[in-house]
Amino acid sequence: MKRALPDRLSFEGLDARFRRPLMSYFKRRVADHAEAEDLTQQVFMRLLATGDFEGIEQTEGYVFTVAANLLKDRGRQAIRRGGLGAVAPNPSLVSELTLEMVEDRSPERVLLGRETLADVLRTLDALGERTRDIYILFRLENMKQQEIAGLLGIGQSTVEKHVVKATVYLARVYGFQ
């Protein structure tokens, strides 16, 4: 299903649709609220600089890909400067950061965690893109079901059904049922 960006590709349109989800995403990954605000603004600026969204099927995915790439860029810059600065270590970014920067984790534990997460994500692919994305937003990104519903333009009960479907499927695949 193609969901278009706001009628006017403007800062106000992006702000209205994506500020809350992006702030939530960044607050879990950076040191403070001001840094999350700065990163959110930078995502908007990158999106506005790109300007052409005609061929993009999953605009939400595109917006969060831009956000994730911005965090990776910040992490690389911090490594070059010799510290993490305001960018907190994040398991999804561990491949981009050196293992020495992840405190209180052995390399074996990090590798096992990465492999387990990759296996779960591959398993979720069998459920379809929408169910997988909703489950990831809910379980890994810790977004509320109401926020996900607003972001995707669907009902909260639909979000709940996708989460339950994915949870039951994972429980069955991994033998917890």
Protein backbone atom coordinates (compact mmCIF):
# COMPACT_ATOMS: atom_id res chain seq x y z
CA MET A 1 0.00 0.00 0.00
CA LYS A 2 1.46 3.34 -1.01
CA ARG A 3 1.20 6.07 1.60
CA ALA A 4 2.14 9.46 0.36
CA LEU A 5 3.93 12.09 2.33
CA PRO A 6 1.82 15.11 3.30
CA ASP A 7 0.22 17.04 0.42
CA ARG A 8 2.83 19.76 0.67
CA LEU A 9 6.32 18.41 0.97
CA SER A 10 7.24 20.97 3.56
CA PHE A 11 8.82 21.14 6.94
CA GLU A 12 5.37 21.61 8.50
CA GLY A 13 4.00 18.53 6.73
CA LEU A 14 6.95 16.37 7.75
CA ASP A 15 6.80 17.74 11.28
CA ALA A 16 3.11 16.92 11.64
CA ARG A 17 3.48 13.36 10.42
CA PHE A 18 6.90 12.23 11.67
CA ARG A 19 8.09 14.37 14.63
CA ARG A 20 6.71 12.17 17.41
CA PRO A 21 7.85 8.82 15.97
CA LEU A 22 11.30 10.21 15.09
CA MET A 23 11.72 11.81 18.52
CA SER A 24 10.77 8.50 20.13
CA TYR A 25 13.25 6.68 17.91
CA PHE A 26 16.10 9.09 18.66
CA LYS A 27 15.42 9.44 22.41
CA ARG A 28 16.16 5.74 22.82
CA ARG A 29 19.49 6.17 21.06
CA VAL A 30 21.02 9.46 22.13
CA ALA A 31 22.10 11.08 25.37
CA ASP A 32 19.56 13.89 25.67
CA HIS A 33 16.35 15.46 24.39
CA ALA A 34 18.14 18.34 22.62
CA GLU A 35 20.25 15.90 20.61
CA ALA A 36 17.10 13.99 19.62
CA GLU A 37 15.57 17.30 18.45
CA ASP A 38 18.67 18.11 16.40
CA LEU A 39 18.66 14.67 14.77
CA THR A 40 14.95 14.94 13.97
CA GLN A 41 15.52 18.32 12.32
CA GLN A 42 18.42 16.89 10.32
CA VAL A 43 16.21 14.05 9.05
CA PHE A 44 13.66 16.62 7.89
CA MET A 45 16.37 18.65 6.17
CA ARG A 46 17.72 15.57 4.38
CA LEU A 47 14.22 14.63 3.25
CA LEU A 48 13.50 18.14 2.00
CA ALA A 49 16.86 18.25 0.20
CA THR A 50 15.98 15.00 -1.59
CA GLY A 51 12.59 16.37 -2.56
CA ASP A 52 11.31 13.59 -4.86
CA PHE A 53 9.20 10.90 -3.19
CA GLU A 54 7.10 9.82 -6.18
CA GLY A 55 8.54 6.30 -6.56
CA ILE A 56 8.82 5.46 -2.87
CA GLU A 57 6.37 2.75 -1.82
CA GLN A 58 7.03 2.68 1.94
CA THR A 59 7.57 6.28 3.00
CA GLU A 60 7.75 5.39 6.70
CA GLY A 61 10.51 2.90 5.99
CA TYR A 62 12.34 5.49 3.91
CA VAL A 63 12.10 8.13 6.65
CA PHE A 64 13.44 5.73 9.29
CA THR A 65 16.18 4.54 6.95
CA VAL A 66 17.28 8.17 6.67
CA ALA A 67 17.17 8.40 10.49
CA ALA A 68 19.21 5.22 10.95
CA ASN A 69 21.77 6.37 8.39
CA LEU A 70 22.06 9.69 10.20
CA LEU A 71 22.83 7.85 13.45
CA LYS A 72 25.40 5.69 11.68
CA ASP A 73 27.04 8.80 10.24
CA ARG A 74 27.15 10.35 13.71
CA GLY A 75 28.64 7.16 15.15
CA ARG A 76 31.37 7.09 12.52
CA GLN A 77 32.17 10.75 13.15
CA ALA A 78 32.35 10.09 16.89
CA ILE A 79 34.73 7.17 16.33
CA ARG A 80 37.00 9.38 14.23
CA ARG A 81 36.96 12.01 16.99
CA GLY A 82 37.84 9.37 19.57
CA GLY A 83 34.62 9.13 21.56
CA LEU A 84 30.91 8.53 21.31
CA GLY A 85 29.80 12.00 22.29
CA ALA A 86 26.02 12.09 22.50
CA VAL A 87 25.45 8.99 20.39
CA ALA A 88 24.77 6.04 22.67
CA PRO A 89 25.81 2.52 21.68
CA ASN A 90 22.91 0.65 20.12
CA PRO A 91 22.76 -3.06 19.32
CA SER A 92 21.53 -2.32 15.79
CA LEU A 93 24.58 -0.15 15.20
CA VAL A 94 27.15 -2.48 16.76
CA SER A 95 28.32 -3.61 13.33
CA GLU A 96 29.18 0.01 12.59
CA LEU A 97 30.92 0.61 15.91
CA THR A 98 33.90 -1.17 17.35
CA LEU A 99 33.27 -3.81 20.02
CA GLU A 100 35.50 -1.96 22.48
CA MET A 101 32.93 0.85 22.60
CA VAL A 102 30.14 -1.41 23.89
CA GLU A 103 30.56 -1.53 27.64
CA ASP A 104 29.98 -4.65 29.75
CA ARG A 105 29.54 -6.97 26.78
CA SER A 106 31.84 -9.69 25.67
CA PRO A 107 32.40 -10.14 21.94
CA GLU A 108 30.78 -13.56 22.15
CA ARG A 109 27.63 -12.15 23.73
CA VAL A 110 27.38 -9.36 21.15
CA LEU A 111 27.83 -11.85 18.30
CA LEU A 112 25.24 -14.23 19.76
CA GLY A 113 22.79 -11.35 20.19
CA ARG A 114 23.32 -10.21 16.61
CA GLU A 115 22.86 -13.74 15.27
CA THR A 116 19.71 -14.28 17.33
CA LEU A 117 18.21 -10.98 16.23
CA ALA A 118 19.06 -11.69 12.59
CA ASP A 119 17.43 -15.13 12.89
CA VAL A 120 14.25 -13.66 14.41
CA LEU A 121 14.07 -10.99 11.70
CA ARG A 122 14.45 -13.65 8.98
CA THR A 123 11.71 -15.67 10.64
CA LEU A 124 9.43 -12.62 10.72
CA ASP A 125 9.89 -12.18 6.95
CA ALA A 126 7.55 -15.15 6.47
CA LEU A 127 4.69 -13.09 7.94
CA GLY A 128 4.90 -10.28 5.40
CA GLU A 129 6.32 -6.80 5.45
CA ARG A 130 3.49 -5.04 7.28
CA THR A 131 3.35 -7.53 10.18
CA ARG A 132 7.16 -7.60 10.46
CA ASP A 133 7.42 -3.79 10.47
CA ILE A 134 4.68 -3.39 13.07
CA TYR A 135 6.25 -6.04 15.32
CA ILE A 136 9.69 -4.40 15.04
CA LEU A 137 8.28 -0.96 15.85
CA PHE A 138 6.41 -2.35 18.84
CA ARG A 139 8.95 -4.79 20.31
CA LEU A 140 12.34 -3.43 19.24
CA GLU A 141 11.62 0.28 18.91
CA ASN A 142 9.28 0.29 21.94
CA MET A 143 6.66 2.40 20.19
CA LYS A 144 3.15 2.36 21.60
CA GLN A 145 0.47 0.66 19.51
CA GLN A 146 -1.39 3.95 19.24
CA GLU A 147 1.73 5.67 17.84
CA ILE A 148 2.23 2.88 15.29
CA ALA A 149 -1.41 3.11 14.25
CA GLY A 150 -1.08 6.86 13.71
CA LEU A 151 2.17 6.49 11.83
CA LEU A 152 0.79 3.86 9.46
CA GLY A 153 -2.72 5.28 9.19
CA ILE A 154 -4.41 2.12 10.50
CA GLY A 155 -6.52 1.29 13.52
CA GLN A 156 -4.97 0.41 16.87
CA SER A 157 -6.82 -2.92 16.83
CA THR A 158 -5.14 -3.72 13.50
CA VAL A 159 -1.76 -3.04 15.06
CA GLU A 160 -2.65 -5.26 18.00
CA LYS A 161 -3.68 -8.10 15.65
CA HIS A 162 -0.36 -7.89 13.77
CA VAL A 163 1.60 -7.94 17.05
CA VAL A 164 -0.34 -10.95 18.32
CA LYS A 165 0.04 -12.74 14.98
CA ALA A 166 3.83 -12.23 15.04
CA THR A 167 4.14 -13.18 18.71
CA VAL A 168 2.16 -16.41 18.26
CA TYR A 169 4.13 -17.27 15.13
CA LEU A 170 7.49 -16.72 16.86
CA ALA A 171 6.37 -18.73 19.88
CA ARG A 172 5.38 -21.61 17.61
CA VAL A 173 8.60 -21.46 15.53
CA TYR A 174 10.87 -21.27 18.58
CA GLY A 175 8.96 -23.89 20.58
CA PHE A 176 7.51 -21.70 23.33
CA GLN A 177 3.98 -22.89 22.76
